[in-house]
């Protein structure tokens, strides 16, 4: 038998078959990777879109959440003036204890911003607009001064701990004799500090005002003989305090404040500022950015007359601050039921997503007075 020569290398057919198999394998691998990457991009784009919608929805939710309180007690601050405050505050000589800061103030930041339904105002700025929302949440108990200088509830129910209150000279803000101011008080019942509880119309409270310069000093709210100066009644509206929503300094977040929601076109963002007019706070304004990367905004007031709904745009009117008091607006003012906002927002990660990354959303927000 002949010795067979040793075989070296591969035949052309074997090489071709191997290349075909490898090509098929890599084709399948590339296809799987491409499908995986496509799925990842789609998922990522979807996720970013969900984030984008969440960002814009957050802006709408915050504005709606603030506007729902609009008008809650804000009319208690009308009719303030220096002369009114002089009548409604006691005379106090602090001696060596320090000077007394005037109890209450006109708070023009608030009283000048009650254009719509005594709670909402809209101001056009050179760089956008500001929405003002004012409210004060009081306990459902009103105290009235008795002839002996004590104060009794006009209703029975729960009254929380003393704190900031609104003092008025009449029960209704529409009264010609109505005057008001803001003060920090302490309540005493049966000689003891009242820290909250159920009260009845037969209870008699002694009310003391806190000297804001030296808060250990208390003043009689209306001292003996003061009725010779002031001939009317006196009412006290205690402002609610929510323990589950307080800052470390003890001031509540949603009790009495003015909220300013500002659109700044040049900065492409919405900013919210809470104004809390407590006289003994070192800082009474707190700002937070609600939304950045805003490409454009359209803002309308929506009104309904005879079942026909129309709207007037205010964000693009340079003369809005005067136009809002025109006869044309006064004719529809009582029929305004809400606000419509159209926001176009651009994702800061649009290059990553591989699209323009723009989200456009419209929201209609009903004012509390518009709910019928």
Protein backbone atom coordinates (compact mmCIF):
# COMPACT_ATOMS: atom_id res chain seq x y z
CA UNK A 1 0.00 0.00 0.00
CA UNK A 2 1.22 3.39 -0.90
CA UNK A 3 1.92 5.82 1.84
CA UNK A 4 -0.54 8.70 1.67
CA UNK A 5 0.88 12.19 1.76
CA UNK A 6 -0.03 14.27 4.77
CA UNK A 7 -2.81 16.77 4.03
CA UNK A 8 -1.96 20.41 4.69
CA UNK A 9 -4.43 23.44 4.66
CA UNK A 10 -8.05 23.54 3.55
CA UNK A 11 -9.67 23.23 0.25
CA UNK A 12 -11.30 26.23 -1.40
CA UNK A 13 -14.72 24.71 -0.84
CA UNK A 14 -14.08 24.35 2.89
CA UNK A 15 -12.88 27.91 3.16
CA UNK A 16 -15.93 29.21 1.30
CA UNK A 17 -18.30 27.20 3.49
CA UNK A 18 -16.59 28.53 6.62
CA UNK A 19 -16.84 32.11 5.38
CA UNK A 20 -20.52 31.65 4.58
CA UNK A 21 -21.21 30.25 8.06
CA UNK A 22 -19.29 33.07 9.72
CA UNK A 23 -21.07 35.66 7.57
CA UNK A 24 -24.43 34.24 8.52
CA UNK A 25 -23.43 34.28 12.19
CA UNK A 26 -22.27 37.89 12.05
CA UNK A 27 -25.37 38.88 10.07
CA UNK A 28 -27.54 37.39 12.80
CA UNK A 29 -25.39 39.04 15.50
CA UNK A 30 -25.58 42.44 13.80
CA UNK A 31 -29.34 42.06 13.39
CA UNK A 32 -29.77 41.16 17.06
CA UNK A 33 -27.58 44.08 18.15
CA UNK A 34 -29.38 46.46 15.83
CA UNK A 35 -32.76 45.34 17.17
CA UNK A 36 -31.44 45.70 20.72
CA UNK A 37 -30.10 49.20 20.04
CA UNK A 38 -33.31 50.22 18.29
CA UNK A 39 -35.32 48.92 21.22
CA UNK A 40 -33.03 50.79 23.61
CA UNK A 41 -33.35 54.01 21.63
CA UNK A 42 -37.13 53.67 21.48
CA UNK A 43 -37.31 52.92 25.20
CA UNK A 44 -34.96 55.79 25.97
CA UNK A 45 -36.92 58.17 23.74
CA UNK A 46 -40.16 57.01 25.32
CA UNK A 47 -38.68 57.46 28.78
CA UNK A 48 -37.42 60.94 27.95
CA UNK A 49 -40.82 61.82 26.49
CA UNK A 50 -42.48 60.64 29.69
CA UNK A 51 -40.04 62.76 31.69
CA UNK A 52 -40.74 65.70 29.39
CA UNK A 53 -44.49 65.38 29.85
CA UNK A 54 -43.99 65.03 33.59
CA UNK A 55 -41.99 68.25 33.75
CA UNK A 56 -44.66 70.26 31.94
CA UNK A 57 -47.47 68.56 33.87
CA UNK A 58 -45.70 69.47 37.09
CA UNK A 59 -45.86 73.15 36.13
CA UNK A 60 -49.57 72.86 35.38
CA UNK A 61 -50.26 70.96 38.61
CA UNK A 62 -48.49 73.58 40.75
CA UNK A 63 -50.37 76.48 39.12
CA UNK A 64 -53.67 74.63 39.43
CA UNK A 65 -52.90 73.70 43.04
CA UNK A 66 -52.34 77.35 43.97
CA UNK A 67 -55.25 78.77 42.00
CA UNK A 68 -57.72 76.44 43.71
CA UNK A 69 -57.15 78.43 46.93
CA UNK A 70 -57.64 81.79 45.21
CA UNK A 71 -60.17 83.98 46.97
CA UNK A 72 -59.99 82.08 50.23
CA UNK A 73 -60.26 84.95 52.69
CA UNK A 74 -58.10 87.32 50.66
CA UNK A 75 -60.81 90.01 50.75
CA UNK A 76 -60.19 90.35 54.50
CA UNK A 77 -57.25 92.58 53.58
CA UNK A 78 -59.15 95.27 51.72
CA UNK A 79 -59.62 98.81 53.06
CA UNK A 80 -56.25 99.19 54.74
CA UNK A 81 -54.69 102.60 55.24
CA UNK A 82 -52.44 104.34 57.73
CA UNK A 83 -55.40 106.09 59.35
CA UNK A 84 -57.30 102.80 59.64
CA UNK A 85 -54.33 101.14 61.28
CA UNK A 86 -54.03 104.00 63.76
CA UNK A 87 -57.61 103.38 64.88
CA UNK A 88 -57.19 99.62 65.13
CA UNK A 89 -53.96 99.51 67.12
CA UNK A 90 -53.42 100.25 70.81
CA UNK A 91 -51.13 102.88 72.28
CA UNK A 92 -48.00 101.28 73.70
CA UNK A 93 -45.06 102.76 75.59
CA UNK A 94 -42.32 100.11 75.80
CA UNK A 95 -40.10 101.97 78.27
CA UNK A 96 -36.71 100.30 78.40
CA UNK A 97 -37.93 97.14 76.70
CA UNK A 98 -37.32 98.38 73.18
CA UNK A 99 -39.41 100.00 70.48
CA UNK A 100 -42.63 98.47 69.23
CA UNK A 101 -42.92 97.58 65.54
CA UNK A 102 -46.22 98.84 64.13
CA UNK A 103 -48.79 96.04 64.32
CA UNK A 104 -50.03 95.36 60.84
CA UNK A 105 -49.19 97.09 57.63
CA UNK A 106 -51.00 98.10 54.47
CA UNK A 107 -49.47 95.19 52.53
CA UNK A 108 -49.86 96.87 49.17
CA UNK A 109 -48.15 93.78 47.71
CA UNK A 110 -51.44 92.04 48.44
CA UNK A 111 -54.14 94.70 48.41
CA UNK A 112 -53.02 96.02 45.00
CA UNK A 113 -53.15 92.52 43.53
CA UNK A 114 -56.81 91.60 43.98
CA UNK A 115 -57.90 92.51 40.44
CA UNK A 116 -59.92 89.40 39.62
CA UNK A 117 -62.37 87.92 42.13
CA UNK A 118 -60.51 89.73 44.95
CA UNK A 119 -57.73 87.17 44.76
CA UNK A 120 -56.01 87.00 41.35
CA UNK A 121 -54.03 89.48 39.32
CA UNK A 122 -52.01 89.24 36.10
CA UNK A 123 -49.21 91.66 35.34
CA UNK A 124 -47.40 91.98 32.01
CA UNK A 125 -43.66 92.47 32.33
CA UNK A 126 -41.04 93.37 29.74
CA UNK A 127 -39.88 89.77 29.83
CA UNK A 128 -43.13 87.83 30.21
CA UNK A 129 -45.88 87.96 32.81
CA UNK A 130 -46.66 87.32 36.49
CA UNK A 131 -49.73 85.57 37.89
CA UNK A 132 -50.56 86.65 41.47
CA UNK A 133 -52.66 84.38 43.70
CA UNK A 134 -53.63 85.59 47.17
CA UNK A 135 -55.42 83.67 49.90
CA UNK A 136 -55.67 83.31 53.66
CA UNK A 137 -57.04 80.21 55.35
CA UNK A 138 -58.71 80.95 58.67
CA UNK A 139 -60.25 78.73 61.30
CA UNK A 140 -64.06 78.53 61.04
CA UNK A 141 -64.26 80.61 64.24
CA UNK A 142 -64.63 84.40 64.37
CA UNK A 143 -64.12 86.20 67.67
CA UNK A 144 -66.09 89.35 68.56
CA UNK A 145 -65.19 91.86 71.25
CA UNK A 146 -67.58 92.02 74.21
CA UNK A 147 -68.46 95.17 76.16
CA UNK A 148 -66.14 94.10 78.97
CA UNK A 149 -63.15 93.89 76.63
CA UNK A 150 -63.13 90.09 76.35
CA UNK A 151 -63.74 88.20 73.10
CA UNK A 152 -66.25 85.43 72.43
CA UNK A 153 -66.65 83.08 69.45
CA UNK A 154 -69.54 83.79 67.11
CA UNK A 155 -69.67 80.05 66.36
CA UNK A 156 -68.98 76.86 68.27
CA UNK A 157 -66.31 74.50 66.97
CA UNK A 158 -62.59 73.95 66.87
CA UNK A 159 -60.20 76.86 67.33
CA UNK A 160 -56.50 76.23 66.89
CA UNK A 161 -53.61 77.72 68.83
CA UNK A 162 -53.18 81.48 68.71
CA UNK A 163 -50.86 83.11 66.22
CA UNK A 164 -51.34 85.48 63.33
CA UNK A 165 -54.82 86.91 62.97
CA UNK A 166 -56.72 89.48 60.95
CA UNK A 167 -58.41 92.18 63.03
CA UNK A 168 -61.34 93.99 61.43
CA UNK A 169 -63.77 96.71 62.43
CA UNK A 170 -66.76 95.08 60.74
CA UNK A 171 -67.91 91.56 60.00
CA UNK A 172 -68.23 91.98 56.25
CA UNK A 173 -65.51 93.43 53.98
CA UNK A 174 -68.28 95.05 51.94
CA UNK A 175 -69.30 97.22 54.91
CA UNK A 176 -68.55 100.94 54.60
CA UNK A 177 -66.98 100.90 58.07
CA UNK A 178 -64.73 97.93 57.34
CA UNK A 179 -61.05 98.34 58.26
CA UNK A 180 -58.46 95.64 58.78
CA UNK A 181 -54.93 94.90 59.93
CA UNK A 182 -52.66 91.94 60.63
CA UNK A 183 -51.34 91.08 64.11
CA UNK A 184 -49.76 88.30 66.14
CA UNK A 185 -51.87 87.35 69.16
CA UNK A 186 -52.05 85.15 72.23
CA UNK A 187 -55.35 83.82 73.63
CA UNK A 188 -56.10 83.34 77.32
CA UNK A 189 -59.09 81.33 78.54
CA UNK A 190 -59.86 81.21 82.26
CA UNK A 191 -56.48 82.73 82.97
CA UNK A 192 -54.58 80.04 81.04
CA UNK A 193 -52.92 80.20 77.62
CA UNK A 194 -55.23 78.59 75.08
CA UNK A 195 -53.41 76.09 72.86
CA UNK A 196 -56.34 74.92 70.77
CA UNK A 197 -59.55 72.99 71.31
CA UNK A 198 -63.31 73.12 70.98
CA UNK A 199 -64.95 76.39 71.97
CA UNK A 200 -68.50 77.65 72.47
CA UNK A 201 -70.18 81.04 72.14
CA UNK A 202 -70.23 81.41 75.93
CA UNK A 203 -66.43 81.26 76.25
CA UNK A 204 -64.70 84.53 77.02
CA UNK A 205 -61.12 85.03 75.84
CA UNK A 206 -58.60 87.68 76.81
CA UNK A 207 -56.57 88.55 73.72
CA UNK A 208 -53.03 89.86 73.95
CA UNK A 209 -50.94 91.23 71.10
CA UNK A 210 -47.29 90.30 70.76
CA UNK A 211 -44.76 93.10 70.65
CA UNK A 212 -42.86 92.11 67.53
CA UNK A 213 -39.77 94.03 68.60
CA UNK A 214 -39.58 92.15 71.92
CA UNK A 215 -41.82 89.12 71.66
CA UNK A 216 -41.82 88.41 75.39
CA UNK A 217 -43.89 91.57 75.84
CA UNK A 218 -47.67 91.36 75.41
CA UNK A 219 -50.16 94.19 74.90
CA UNK A 220 -53.85 94.47 75.58
CA UNK A 221 -55.52 94.29 72.20
CA UNK A 222 -57.91 97.08 73.15
CA UNK A 223 -57.05 98.52 76.56
CA UNK A 224 -59.57 100.09 78.92
CA UNK A 225 -60.79 103.46 77.69
CA UNK A 226 -59.90 102.69 74.10
CA UNK A 227 -63.60 102.55 73.20
CA UNK A 228 -63.60 106.35 73.55
CA UNK A 229 -61.47 106.41 70.42
CA UNK A 230 -63.01 103.50 68.57
CA UNK A 231 -66.82 103.37 68.62
CA UNK A 232 -67.38 100.21 66.55
CA UNK A 233 -67.22 96.47 67.01
CA UNK A 234 -64.02 94.51 66.68
CA UNK A 235 -63.68 91.10 65.06
CA UNK A 236 -60.74 88.72 65.01
CA UNK A 237 -60.20 86.07 62.31
CA UNK A 238 -57.59 83.56 63.57
CA UNK A 239 -55.38 82.31 60.72
CA UNK A 240 -55.12 78.54 60.52
CA UNK A 241 -51.91 76.72 61.37
CA UNK A 242 -51.22 73.29 59.90
CA UNK A 243 -48.69 71.35 61.95
CA UNK A 244 -48.03 68.89 59.13
CA UNK A 245 -46.97 71.66 56.76
CA UNK A 246 -44.67 73.92 58.76
CA UNK A 247 -41.21 75.30 58.23
CA UNK A 248 -38.64 74.87 60.97
CA UNK A 249 -39.42 78.41 62.07
CA UNK A 250 -43.01 77.42 62.79
CA UNK A 251 -44.67 79.23 59.89
CA UNK A 252 -47.09 77.23 57.83
CA UNK A 253 -46.66 76.76 54.11
CA UNK A 254 -50.30 77.01 53.11
CA UNK A 255 -52.10 79.33 55.47
CA UNK A 256 -51.61 82.93 54.44
CA UNK A 257 -49.53 84.02 51.53
CA UNK A 258 -49.37 85.46 48.08
CA UNK A 259 -47.96 83.27 45.35
CA UNK A 260 -46.31 84.83 42.31
CA UNK A 261 -45.83 82.59 39.28
CA UNK A 262 -43.60 84.38 36.79
CA UNK A 263 -42.74 83.49 33.21
CA UNK A 264 -39.34 84.87 32.17
CA UNK A 265 -39.00 84.53 28.40
CA UNK A 266 -35.33 85.53 28.23
CA UNK A 267 -34.47 82.86 30.81
CA UNK A 268 -36.92 80.35 29.31
CA UNK A 269 -38.33 79.41 32.68
CA UNK A 270 -41.19 79.67 35.17
CA UNK A 271 -40.38 80.76 38.73
CA UNK A 272 -42.71 80.63 41.74
CA UNK A 273 -42.21 82.97 44.71
CA UNK A 274 -44.16 82.56 47.93
CA UNK A 275 -44.64 85.80 49.83
CA UNK A 276 -45.39 85.23 53.53
CA UNK A 277 -45.99 88.61 55.19
CA UNK A 278 -45.09 87.73 58.76
CA UNK A 279 -43.58 90.83 60.31
CA UNK A 280 -41.04 89.03 62.45
CA UNK A 281 -39.55 86.89 59.69
CA UNK A 282 -36.09 87.86 58.50
CA UNK A 283 -37.01 86.45 55.10
CA UNK A 284 -40.59 86.37 53.89
CA UNK A 285 -40.10 85.45 50.24
CA UNK A 286 -39.17 81.98 49.04
CA UNK A 287 -38.50 81.27 45.35
CA UNK A 288 -38.22 78.04 43.36
CA UNK A 289 -37.85 77.30 39.64
CA UNK A 290 -40.82 75.30 38.33
CA UNK A 291 -39.76 74.68 34.73
CA UNK A 292 -36.74 75.49 32.58
CA UNK A 293 -36.09 75.18 28.81
CA UNK A 294 -39.44 76.75 27.91
CA UNK A 295 -39.46 77.58 24.20
CA UNK A 296 -42.73 79.51 24.05
CA UNK A 297 -45.92 80.23 26.00
CA UNK A 298 -49.43 81.29 25.07
CA UNK A 299 -51.66 82.41 27.94
CA UNK A 300 -55.38 83.19 27.84
CA UNK A 301 -58.20 84.13 30.18
CA UNK A 302 -61.31 82.11 29.34
CA UNK A 303 -64.77 83.57 29.83
CA UNK A 304 -68.30 82.29 29.33
CA UNK A 305 -71.21 84.51 28.33
CA UNK A 306 -74.60 82.96 27.74
CA UNK A 307 -73.13 79.51 27.24
CA UNK A 308 -70.65 80.73 24.64
CA UNK A 309 -67.00 80.31 25.62
CA UNK A 310 -64.34 82.72 24.37
CA UNK A 311 -60.87 83.68 25.46
CA UNK A 312 -58.60 86.72 25.50
CA UNK A 313 -54.84 86.37 25.24
CA UNK A 314 -52.71 88.37 27.68
CA UNK A 315 -49.09 87.19 27.33
CA UNK A 316 -48.48 89.01 24.03
CA UNK A 317 -50.14 92.33 24.89
CA UNK A 318 -47.65 95.09 25.74
CA UNK A 319 -50.58 97.23 26.97
CA UNK A 320 -52.11 94.51 29.14
CA UNK A 321 -51.59 96.35 32.46
CA UNK A 322 -53.90 99.15 31.29
CA UNK A 323 -56.06 97.07 28.96
CA UNK A 324 -57.17 94.77 31.81
CA UNK A 325 -59.02 97.75 33.34
CA UNK A 326 -60.62 98.83 30.06
CA UNK A 327 -64.37 98.82 29.49
CA UNK A 328 -63.93 95.87 27.15
CA UNK A 329 -62.42 93.70 29.88
CA UNK A 330 -64.77 95.02 32.57
CA UNK A 331 -67.65 93.79 30.42
CA UNK A 332 -66.40 90.20 30.67
CA UNK A 333 -64.58 90.32 34.00
CA UNK A 334 -67.37 88.69 36.02
CA UNK A 335 -67.68 85.94 33.40
CA UNK A 336 -64.03 84.82 33.49
CA UNK A 337 -64.04 81.16 34.48
CA UNK A 338 -60.42 80.11 34.10
CA UNK A 339 -57.05 80.27 32.43
CA UNK A 340 -55.60 78.41 29.47
CA UNK A 341 -51.84 77.87 29.16
CA UNK A 342 -50.10 76.48 26.09
CA UNK A 343 -46.46 75.63 26.78
CA UNK A 344 -43.83 74.44 24.31
CA UNK A 345 -40.90 72.82 26.07
CA UNK A 346 -37.65 71.55 24.57
CA UNK A 347 -35.76 68.63 26.05
CA UNK A 348 -32.20 69.54 27.05
CA UNK A 349 -31.23 66.02 25.92
CA UNK A 350 -32.79 66.27 22.42
CA UNK A 351 -29.45 65.45 20.74
CA UNK A 352 -29.28 62.20 22.66
CA UNK A 353 -32.82 61.23 21.76
CA UNK A 354 -32.20 62.03 18.11
CA UNK A 355 -35.22 64.28 17.59
CA UNK A 356 -36.23 67.88 18.07
CA UNK A 357 -37.25 66.90 21.59
CA UNK A 358 -40.10 69.42 21.76
CA UNK A 359 -43.20 68.83 23.83
CA UNK A 360 -46.27 71.05 23.43
CA UNK A 361 -49.06 70.81 25.99
CA UNK A 362 -52.19 72.83 26.72
CA UNK A 363 -53.94 73.04 30.08
CA UNK A 364 -57.23 74.70 31.03
CA UNK A 365 -57.38 75.60 34.72
CA UNK A 366 -60.76 76.48 36.21
CA UNK A 367 -60.83 79.26 38.79
CA UNK A 368 -62.71 78.42 42.01
CA UNK A 369 -65.30 81.08 41.17
CA UNK A 370 -65.73 79.49 37.74
CA UNK A 371 -66.99 76.23 39.19
CA UNK A 372 -70.76 76.37 38.94
